[in-house]
Amino acid sequence: MQYYLPIFVLMSLLSRITIDPEICHGKPCIRGMRWPVEVIIDMLSSGMLAEDILSDHPELEKDDILASLQYAKLTLSGHSLQDVA
């Protein structure tokens, strides 16, 4: 069974992902900070828990991690932020 987020929740999460050519060479980042989505995904895939990431990096919020996961899902499914907007 696949779970789908309501569109307003999905849009709210994805609004945290910014792409700016002046920040991290235009890679998708968290809220305009120098936190590329790929780094969040890398920390999770290395076995770090979301709670550990948030504890080690207080500038991040739980929704930043959820947004990174949703962005990864979106891009892996062949879509882009523009497709959802």
PDB file of N, CA and C in Angstrom:
ATOM      1  N   MET A   1       0.845  -1.178   0.000  1.00  0.00           N
ATOM      2  CA  MET A   1       0.000   0.000   0.000  1.00  0.00           C
ATOM      3  C   MET A   1       0.892   1.243   0.000  1.00  0.00           C
ATOM      4  N   GLN A   2       0.619   2.136  -0.905  1.00  0.00           N
ATOM      5  CA  GLN A   2       1.416   3.353  -1.016  1.00  0.00           C
ATOM      6  C   GLN A   2       0.679   4.494  -0.332  1.00  0.00           C
ATOM      7  N   TYR A   3       1.428   5.289   0.405  1.00  0.00           N
ATOM      8  CA  TYR A   3       0.854   6.423   1.133  1.00  0.00           C
ATOM      9  C   TYR A   3       1.176   7.706   0.382  1.00  0.00           C
ATOM     10  N   TYR A   4       0.174   8.532   0.194  1.00  0.00           N
ATOM     11  CA  TYR A   4       0.371   9.810  -0.480  1.00  0.00           C
ATOM     12  C   TYR A   4       0.066  10.947   0.485  1.00  0.00           C
ATOM     13  N   LEU A   5       0.941  11.941   0.501  1.00  0.00           N
ATOM     14  CA  LEU A   5       0.711  13.129   1.305  1.00  0.00           C
ATOM     15  C   LEU A   5      -0.324  14.010   0.630  1.00  0.00           C
ATOM     16  N   PRO A   6      -1.142  14.707   1.403  1.00  0.00           N
ATOM     17  CA  PRO A   6      -2.015  15.711   0.791  1.00  0.00           C
ATOM     18  C   PRO A   6      -1.155  16.726   0.041  1.00  0.00           C
ATOM     19  N   ILE A   7      -1.656  17.241  -1.061  1.00  0.00           N
ATOM     20  CA  ILE A   7      -0.869  18.119  -1.929  1.00  0.00           C
ATOM     21  C   ILE A   7      -0.373  19.353  -1.178  1.00  0.00           C
ATOM     22  N   PHE A   8      -1.165  19.904  -0.252  1.00  0.00           N
ATOM     23  CA  PHE A   8      -0.717  21.100   0.474  1.00  0.00           C
ATOM     24  C   PHE A   8       0.450  20.774   1.410  1.00  0.00           C
ATOM     25  N   VAL A   9       0.493  19.557   1.951  1.00  0.00           N
ATOM     26  CA  VAL A   9       1.616  19.157   2.795  1.00  0.00           C
ATOM     27  C   VAL A   9       2.855  18.954   1.922  1.00  0.00           C
ATOM     28  N   LEU A  10       2.677  18.291   0.791  1.00  0.00           N
ATOM     29  CA  LEU A  10       3.784  18.071  -0.140  1.00  0.00           C
ATOM     30  C   LEU A  10       4.360  19.400  -0.616  1.00  0.00           C
ATOM     31  N   MET A  11       3.506  20.318  -1.002  1.00  0.00           N
ATOM     32  CA  MET A  11       3.970  21.625  -1.478  1.00  0.00           C
ATOM     33  C   MET A  11       4.690  22.399  -0.369  1.00  0.00           C
ATOM     34  N   SER A  12       4.184  22.308   0.847  1.00  0.00           N
ATOM     35  CA  SER A  12       4.820  22.987   1.970  1.00  0.00           C
ATOM     36  C   SER A  12       6.222  22.431   2.206  1.00  0.00           C
ATOM     37  N   LEU A  13       6.357  21.113   2.160  1.00  0.00           N
ATOM     38  CA  LEU A  13       7.677  20.505   2.337  1.00  0.00           C
ATOM     39  C   LEU A  13       8.615  20.894   1.202  1.00  0.00           C
ATOM     40  N   LEU A  14       8.138  20.764  -0.027  1.00  0.00           N
ATOM     41  CA  LEU A  14       9.004  21.031  -1.178  1.00  0.00           C
ATOM     42  C   LEU A  14       9.383  22.505  -1.298  1.00  0.00           C
ATOM     43  N   SER A  15       8.603  23.389  -0.679  1.00  0.00           N
ATOM     44  CA  SER A  15       8.960  24.818  -0.718  1.00  0.00           C
ATOM     45  C   SER A  15      10.243  25.080   0.069  1.00  0.00           C
ATOM     46  N   ARG A  16      10.659  24.135   0.892  1.00  0.00           N
ATOM     47  CA  ARG A  16      11.909  24.255   1.642  1.00  0.00           C
ATOM     48  C   ARG A  16      13.134  23.984   0.766  1.00  0.00           C
ATOM     49  N   ILE A  17      12.923  23.379  -0.380  1.00  0.00           N
ATOM     50  CA  ILE A  17      14.022  23.052  -1.286  1.00  0.00           C
ATOM     51  C   ILE A  17      14.218  24.222  -2.235  1.00  0.00           C
ATOM     52  N   THR A  18      15.424  24.781  -2.234  1.00  0.00           N
ATOM     53  CA  THR A  18      15.722  25.920  -3.096  1.00  0.00           C
ATOM     54  C   THR A  18      16.872  25.561  -4.037  1.00  0.00           C
ATOM     55  N   ILE A  19      16.815  26.154  -5.206  1.00  0.00           N
ATOM     56  CA  ILE A  19      17.880  25.965  -6.193  1.00  0.00           C
ATOM     57  C   ILE A  19      18.339  27.351  -6.630  1.00  0.00           C
ATOM     58  N   ASP A  20      19.583  27.653  -6.288  1.00  0.00           N
ATOM     59  CA  ASP A  20      20.160  28.959  -6.572  1.00  0.00           C
ATOM     60  C   ASP A  20      21.561  28.737  -7.127  1.00  0.00           C
ATOM     61  N   PRO A  21      21.822  29.209  -8.342  1.00  0.00           N
ATOM     62  CA  PRO A  21      23.141  28.991  -8.938  1.00  0.00           C
ATOM     63  C   PRO A  21      24.297  29.544  -8.098  1.00  0.00           C
ATOM     64  N   GLU A  22      24.007  30.477  -7.193  1.00  0.00           N
ATOM     65  CA  GLU A  22      25.034  31.079  -6.352  1.00  0.00           C
ATOM     66  C   GLU A  22      25.301  30.277  -5.074  1.00  0.00           C
ATOM     67  N   ILE A  23      24.489  29.274  -4.818  1.00  0.00           N
ATOM     68  CA  ILE A  23      24.637  28.476  -3.595  1.00  0.00           C
ATOM     69  C   ILE A  23      24.893  27.024  -3.978  1.00  0.00           C
ATOM     70  N   CYS A  24      26.033  26.498  -3.553  1.00  0.00           N
ATOM     71  CA  CYS A  24      26.413  25.098  -3.799  1.00  0.00           C
ATOM     72  C   CYS A  24      26.290  24.709  -5.274  1.00  0.00           C
ATOM     73  N   HIS A  25      26.720  25.608  -6.141  1.00  0.00           N
ATOM     74  CA  HIS A  25      26.754  25.358  -7.587  1.00  0.00           C
ATOM     75  C   HIS A  25      25.389  24.989  -8.157  1.00  0.00           C
ATOM     76  N   GLY A  26      24.331  25.528  -7.556  1.00  0.00           N
ATOM     77  CA  GLY A  26      22.985  25.297  -8.077  1.00  0.00           C
ATOM     78  C   GLY A  26      22.369  23.974  -7.672  1.00  0.00           C
ATOM     79  N   LYS A  27      23.002  23.263  -6.744  1.00  0.00           N
ATOM     80  CA  LYS A  27      22.404  22.003  -6.270  1.00  0.00           C
ATOM     81  C   LYS A  27      21.194  22.318  -5.399  1.00  0.00           C
ATOM     82  N   PRO A  28      20.207  21.431  -5.390  1.00  0.00           N
ATOM     83  CA  PRO A  28      19.050  21.639  -4.511  1.00  0.00           C
ATOM     84  C   PRO A  28      19.508  21.673  -3.049  1.00  0.00           C
ATOM     85  N   CYS A  29      19.112  22.728  -2.341  1.00  0.00           N
ATOM     86  CA  CYS A  29      19.537  22.932  -0.950  1.00  0.00           C
ATOM     87  C   CYS A  29      18.322  23.171  -0.057  1.00  0.00           C
ATOM     88  N   ILE A  30      18.589  23.138   1.230  1.00  0.00           N
ATOM     89  CA  ILE A  30      17.568  23.384   2.236  1.00  0.00           C
ATOM     90  C   ILE A  30      17.470  24.873   2.523  1.00  0.00           C
ATOM     91  N   ARG A  31      16.313  25.446   2.294  1.00  0.00           N
ATOM     92  CA  ARG A  31      15.970  26.830   2.652  1.00  0.00           C
ATOM     93  C   ARG A  31      17.048  27.855   2.344  1.00  0.00           C
ATOM     94  N   GLY A  32      17.707  27.718   1.215  1.00  0.00           N
ATOM     95  CA  GLY A  32      18.713  28.692   0.813  1.00  0.00           C
ATOM     96  C   GLY A  32      20.013  28.607   1.583  1.00  0.00           C
ATOM     97  N   MET A  33      20.124  27.622   2.462  1.00  0.00           N
ATOM     98  CA  MET A  33      21.357  27.443   3.219  1.00  0.00           C
ATOM     99  C   MET A  33      22.309  26.562   2.415  1.00  0.00           C
ATOM    100  N   ARG A  34      23.511  26.475   2.861  1.00  0.00           N
ATOM    101  CA  ARG A  34      24.496  25.618   2.196  1.00  0.00           C
ATOM    102  C   ARG A  34      24.384  24.186   2.720  1.00  0.00           C
ATOM    103  N   TRP A  35      23.186  23.669   2.629  1.00  0.00           N
ATOM    104  CA  TRP A  35      22.881  22.292   3.013  1.00  0.00           C
ATOM    105  C   TRP A  35      22.256  21.602   1.813  1.00  0.00           C
ATOM    106  N   PRO A  36      23.074  21.006   0.931  1.00  0.00           N
ATOM    107  CA  PRO A  36      22.499  20.297  -0.220  1.00  0.00           C
ATOM    108  C   PRO A  36      21.640  19.111   0.233  1.00  0.00           C
ATOM    109  N   VAL A  37      20.574  18.882  -0.490  1.00  0.00           N
ATOM    110  CA  VAL A  37      19.699  17.740  -0.223  1.00  0.00           C
ATOM    111  C   VAL A  37      20.519  16.451  -0.202  1.00  0.00           C
ATOM    112  N   GLU A  38      21.482  16.327  -1.110  1.00  0.00           N
ATOM    113  CA  GLU A  38      22.264  15.095  -1.185  1.00  0.00           C
ATOM    114  C   GLU A  38      23.026  14.810   0.108  1.00  0.00           C
ATOM    115  N   VAL A  39      23.413  15.849   0.843  1.00  0.00           N
ATOM    116  CA  VAL A  39      24.123  15.641   2.110  1.00  0.00           C
ATOM    117  C   VAL A  39      23.158  15.073   3.155  1.00  0.00           C
ATOM    118  N   ILE A  40      21.935  15.576   3.178  1.00  0.00           N
ATOM    119  CA  ILE A  40      20.923  15.049   4.103  1.00  0.00           C
ATOM    120  C   ILE A  40      20.661  13.578   3.798  1.00  0.00           C
ATOM    121  N   ILE A  41      20.478  13.267   2.518  1.00  0.00           N
ATOM    122  CA  ILE A  41      20.223  11.881   2.110  1.00  0.00           C
ATOM    123  C   ILE A  41      21.426  11.006   2.452  1.00  0.00           C
ATOM    124  N   ASP A  42      22.628  11.531   2.259  1.00  0.00           N
ATOM    125  CA  ASP A  42      23.841  10.778   2.575  1.00  0.00           C
ATOM    126  C   ASP A  42      23.919  10.458   4.070  1.00  0.00           C
ATOM    127  N   MET A  43      23.592  11.434   4.904  1.00  0.00           N
ATOM    128  CA  MET A  43      23.623  11.180   6.350  1.00  0.00           C
ATOM    129  C   MET A  43      22.603  10.115   6.739  1.00  0.00           C
ATOM    130  N   LEU A  44      21.410  10.192   6.170  1.00  0.00           N
ATOM    131  CA  LEU A  44      20.396   9.186   6.462  1.00  0.00           C
ATOM    132  C   LEU A  44      20.821   7.808   5.973  1.00  0.00           C
ATOM    133  N   SER A  45      21.397   7.755   4.778  1.00  0.00           N
ATOM    134  CA  SER A  45      21.786   6.452   4.213  1.00  0.00           C
ATOM    135  C   SER A  45      22.988   5.847   4.931  1.00  0.00           C
ATOM    136  N   SER A  46      23.731   6.688   5.659  1.00  0.00           N
ATOM    137  CA  SER A  46      24.863   6.160   6.427  1.00  0.00           C
ATOM    138  C   SER A  46      24.399   5.566   7.760  1.00  0.00           C
ATOM    139  N   GLY A  47      23.117   5.712   8.037  1.00  0.00           N
ATOM    140  CA  GLY A  47      22.567   5.137   9.253  1.00  0.00           C
ATOM    141  C   GLY A  47      22.237   6.140  10.340  1.00  0.00           C
ATOM    142  N   MET A  48      22.506   7.417  10.089  1.00  0.00           N
ATOM    143  CA  MET A  48      22.160   8.426  11.096  1.00  0.00           C
ATOM    144  C   MET A  48      20.645   8.533  11.205  1.00  0.00           C
ATOM    145  N   LEU A  49      20.176   8.688  12.408  1.00  0.00           N
ATOM    146  CA  LEU A  49      18.756   8.918  12.635  1.00  0.00           C
ATOM    147  C   LEU A  49      18.462  10.404  12.474  1.00  0.00           C
ATOM    148  N   ALA A  50      17.237  10.712  12.088  1.00  0.00           N
ATOM    149  CA  ALA A  50      16.846  12.113  11.931  1.00  0.00           C
ATOM    150  C   ALA A  50      17.107  12.889  13.218  1.00  0.00           C
ATOM    151  N   GLU A  51      16.833  12.256  14.352  1.00  0.00           N
ATOM    152  CA  GLU A  51      17.049  12.914  15.638  1.00  0.00           C
ATOM    153  C   GLU A  51      18.525  13.264  15.842  1.00  0.00           C
ATOM    154  N   ASP A  52      19.414  12.377  15.401  1.00  0.00           N
ATOM    155  CA  ASP A  52      20.856  12.639  15.524  1.00  0.00           C
ATOM    156  C   ASP A  52      21.283  13.797  14.632  1.00  0.00           C
ATOM    157  N   ILE A  53      20.755  13.822  13.428  1.00  0.00           N
ATOM    158  CA  ILE A  53      21.084  14.906  12.493  1.00  0.00           C
ATOM    159  C   ILE A  53      20.630  16.237  13.084  1.00  0.00           C
ATOM    160  N   LEU A  54      19.410  16.274  13.602  1.00  0.00           N
ATOM    161  CA  LEU A  54      18.872  17.508  14.176  1.00  0.00           C
ATOM    162  C   LEU A  54      19.644  17.941  15.418  1.00  0.00           C
ATOM    163  N   SER A  55      20.088  16.983  16.195  1.00  0.00           N
ATOM    164  CA  SER A  55      20.871  17.291  17.391  1.00  0.00           C
ATOM    165  C   SER A  55      22.251  17.852  17.030  1.00  0.00           C
ATOM    166  N   ASP A  56      22.866  17.249  16.013  1.00  0.00           N
ATOM    167  CA  ASP A  56      24.199  17.691  15.580  1.00  0.00           C
ATOM    168  C   ASP A  56      24.164  18.999  14.801  1.00  0.00           C
ATOM    169  N   HIS A  57      23.028  19.293  14.170  1.00  0.00           N
ATOM    170  CA  HIS A  57      22.914  20.468  13.293  1.00  0.00           C
ATOM    171  C   HIS A  57      21.626  21.222  13.631  1.00  0.00           C
ATOM    172  N   PRO A  58      21.642  22.027  14.689  1.00  0.00           N
ATOM    173  CA  PRO A  58      20.417  22.680  15.162  1.00  0.00           C
ATOM    174  C   PRO A  58      19.796  23.670  14.175  1.00  0.00           C
ATOM    175  N   GLU A  59      20.527  24.049  13.144  1.00  0.00           N
ATOM    176  CA  GLU A  59      19.949  24.945  12.138  1.00  0.00           C
ATOM    177  C   GLU A  59      18.945  24.216  11.241  1.00  0.00           C
ATOM    178  N   LEU A  60      18.988  22.888  11.263  1.00  0.00           N
ATOM    179  CA  LEU A  60      18.040  22.094  10.486  1.00  0.00           C
ATOM    180  C   LEU A  60      16.799  21.791  11.315  1.00  0.00           C
ATOM    181  N   GLU A  61      15.697  21.572  10.619  1.00  0.00           N
ATOM    182  CA  GLU A  61      14.427  21.226  11.253  1.00  0.00           C
ATOM    183  C   GLU A  61      13.946  19.889  10.702  1.00  0.00           C
ATOM    184  N   LYS A  62      13.061  19.248  11.457  1.00  0.00           N
ATOM    185  CA  LYS A  62      12.534  17.951  11.032  1.00  0.00           C
ATOM    186  C   LYS A  62      11.941  18.031   9.618  1.00  0.00           C
ATOM    187  N   ASP A  63      11.222  19.092   9.328  1.00  0.00           N
ATOM    188  CA  ASP A  63      10.619  19.224   7.997  1.00  0.00           C
ATOM    189  C   ASP A  63      11.671  19.362   6.894  1.00  0.00           C
ATOM    190  N   ASP A  64      12.870  19.821   7.226  1.00  0.00           N
ATOM    191  CA  ASP A  64      13.954  19.876   6.234  1.00  0.00           C
ATOM    192  C   ASP A  64      14.341  18.455   5.810  1.00  0.00           C
ATOM    193  N   ILE A  65      14.392  17.559   6.772  1.00  0.00           N
ATOM    194  CA  ILE A  65      14.729  16.167   6.469  1.00  0.00           C
ATOM    195  C   ILE A  65      13.606  15.518   5.662  1.00  0.00           C
ATOM    196  N   LEU A  66      12.364  15.762   6.079  1.00  0.00           N
ATOM    197  CA  LEU A  66      11.223  15.218   5.333  1.00  0.00           C
ATOM    198  C   LEU A  66      11.180  15.788   3.917  1.00  0.00           C
ATOM    199  N   ALA A  67      11.500  17.072   3.785  1.00  0.00           N
ATOM    200  CA  ALA A  67      11.519  17.704   2.460  1.00  0.00           C
ATOM    201  C   ALA A  67      12.594  17.074   1.582  1.00  0.00           C
ATOM    202  N   SER A  68      13.744  16.774   2.165  1.00  0.00           N
ATOM    203  CA  SER A  68      14.826  16.134   1.403  1.00  0.00           C
ATOM    204  C   SER A  68      14.390  14.765   0.893  1.00  0.00           C
ATOM    205  N   LEU A  69      13.726  14.013   1.744  1.00  0.00           N
ATOM    206  CA  LEU A  69      13.243  12.693   1.325  1.00  0.00           C
ATOM    207  C   LEU A  69      12.184  12.806   0.237  1.00  0.00           C
ATOM    208  N   GLN A  70      11.282  13.761   0.372  1.00  0.00           N
ATOM    209  CA  GLN A  70      10.247  13.953  -0.651  1.00  0.00           C
ATOM    210  C   GLN A  70      10.868  14.414  -1.974  1.00  0.00           C
ATOM    211  N   TYR A  71      11.872  15.279  -1.886  1.00  0.00           N
ATOM    212  CA  TYR A  71      12.548  15.734  -3.100  1.00  0.00           C
ATOM    213  C   TYR A  71      13.256  14.563  -3.780  1.00  0.00           C
ATOM    214  N   ALA A  72      13.924  13.728  -2.998  1.00  0.00           N
ATOM    215  CA  ALA A  72      14.597  12.550  -3.565  1.00  0.00           C
ATOM    216  C   ALA A  72      13.587  11.629  -4.238  1.00  0.00           C
ATOM    217  N   LYS A  73      12.456  11.409  -3.588  1.00  0.00           N
ATOM    218  CA  LYS A  73      11.406  10.564  -4.176  1.00  0.00           C
ATOM    219  C   LYS A  73      10.903  11.168  -5.491  1.00  0.00           C
ATOM    220  N   LEU A  74      10.693  12.465  -5.476  1.00  0.00           N
ATOM    221  CA  LEU A  74      10.201  13.163  -6.663  1.00  0.00           C
ATOM    222  C   LEU A  74      11.171  13.012  -7.832  1.00  0.00           C
ATOM    223  N   THR A  75      12.445  13.247  -7.593  1.00  0.00           N
ATOM    224  CA  THR A  75      13.418  13.183  -8.677  1.00  0.00           C
ATOM    225  C   THR A  75      13.652  11.748  -9.142  1.00  0.00           C
ATOM    226  N   LEU A  76      13.617  10.797  -8.218  1.00  0.00           N
ATOM    227  CA  LEU A  76      13.786   9.397  -8.617  1.00  0.00           C
ATOM    228  C   LEU A  76      12.610   8.893  -9.446  1.00  0.00           C
ATOM    229  N   SER A  77      11.453   9.501  -9.249  1.00  0.00           N
ATOM    230  CA  SER A  77      10.286   9.098 -10.030  1.00  0.00           C
ATOM    231  C   SER A  77      10.242   9.793 -11.393  1.00  0.00           C
ATOM    232  N   GLY A  78      11.274  10.617 -11.671  1.00  0.00           N
ATOM    233  CA  GLY A  78      11.359  11.262 -12.974  1.00  0.00           C
ATOM    234  C   GLY A  78      10.675  12.607 -13.060  1.00  0.00           C
ATOM    235  N   HIS A  79      10.315  13.179 -11.920  1.00  0.00           N
ATOM    236  CA  HIS A  79       9.643  14.473 -11.911  1.00  0.00           C
ATOM    237  C   HIS A  79      10.579  15.559 -11.401  1.00  0.00           C
ATOM    238  N   SER A  80      10.125  16.794 -11.493  1.00  0.00           N
ATOM    239  CA  SER A  80      10.909  17.915 -10.986  1.00  0.00           C
ATOM    240  C   SER A  80      10.010  18.791 -10.125  1.00  0.00           C
ATOM    241  N   LEU A  81      10.615  19.785  -9.471  1.00  0.00           N
ATOM    242  CA  LEU A  81       9.802  20.717  -8.670  1.00  0.00           C
ATOM    243  C   LEU A  81       8.783  21.434  -9.529  1.00  0.00           C
ATOM    244  N   GLN A  82       9.132  21.729 -10.770  1.00  0.00           N
ATOM    245  CA  GLN A  82       8.212  22.427 -11.665  1.00  0.00           C
ATOM    246  C   GLN A  82       6.981  21.579 -11.985  1.00  0.00           C
ATOM    247  N   ASP A  83       7.145  20.250 -11.998  1.00  0.00           N
ATOM    248  CA  ASP A  83       6.011  19.368 -12.266  1.00  0.00           C
ATOM    249  C   ASP A  83       4.966  19.448 -11.161  1.00  0.00           C
ATOM    250  N   VAL A  84       5.413  19.694  -9.947  1.00  0.00           N
ATOM    251  CA  VAL A  84       4.504  19.726  -8.802  1.00  0.00           C
ATOM    252  C   VAL A  84       3.886  21.106  -8.625  1.00  0.00           C
ATOM    253  N   ALA A  85       4.649  22.151  -8.981  1.00  0.00           N
ATOM    254  CA  ALA A  85       4.192  23.527  -8.780  1.00  0.00           C
ATOM    255  C   ALA A  85       2.998  23.868  -9.637  1.00  0.00           C
TER     256      ALA A  85
END
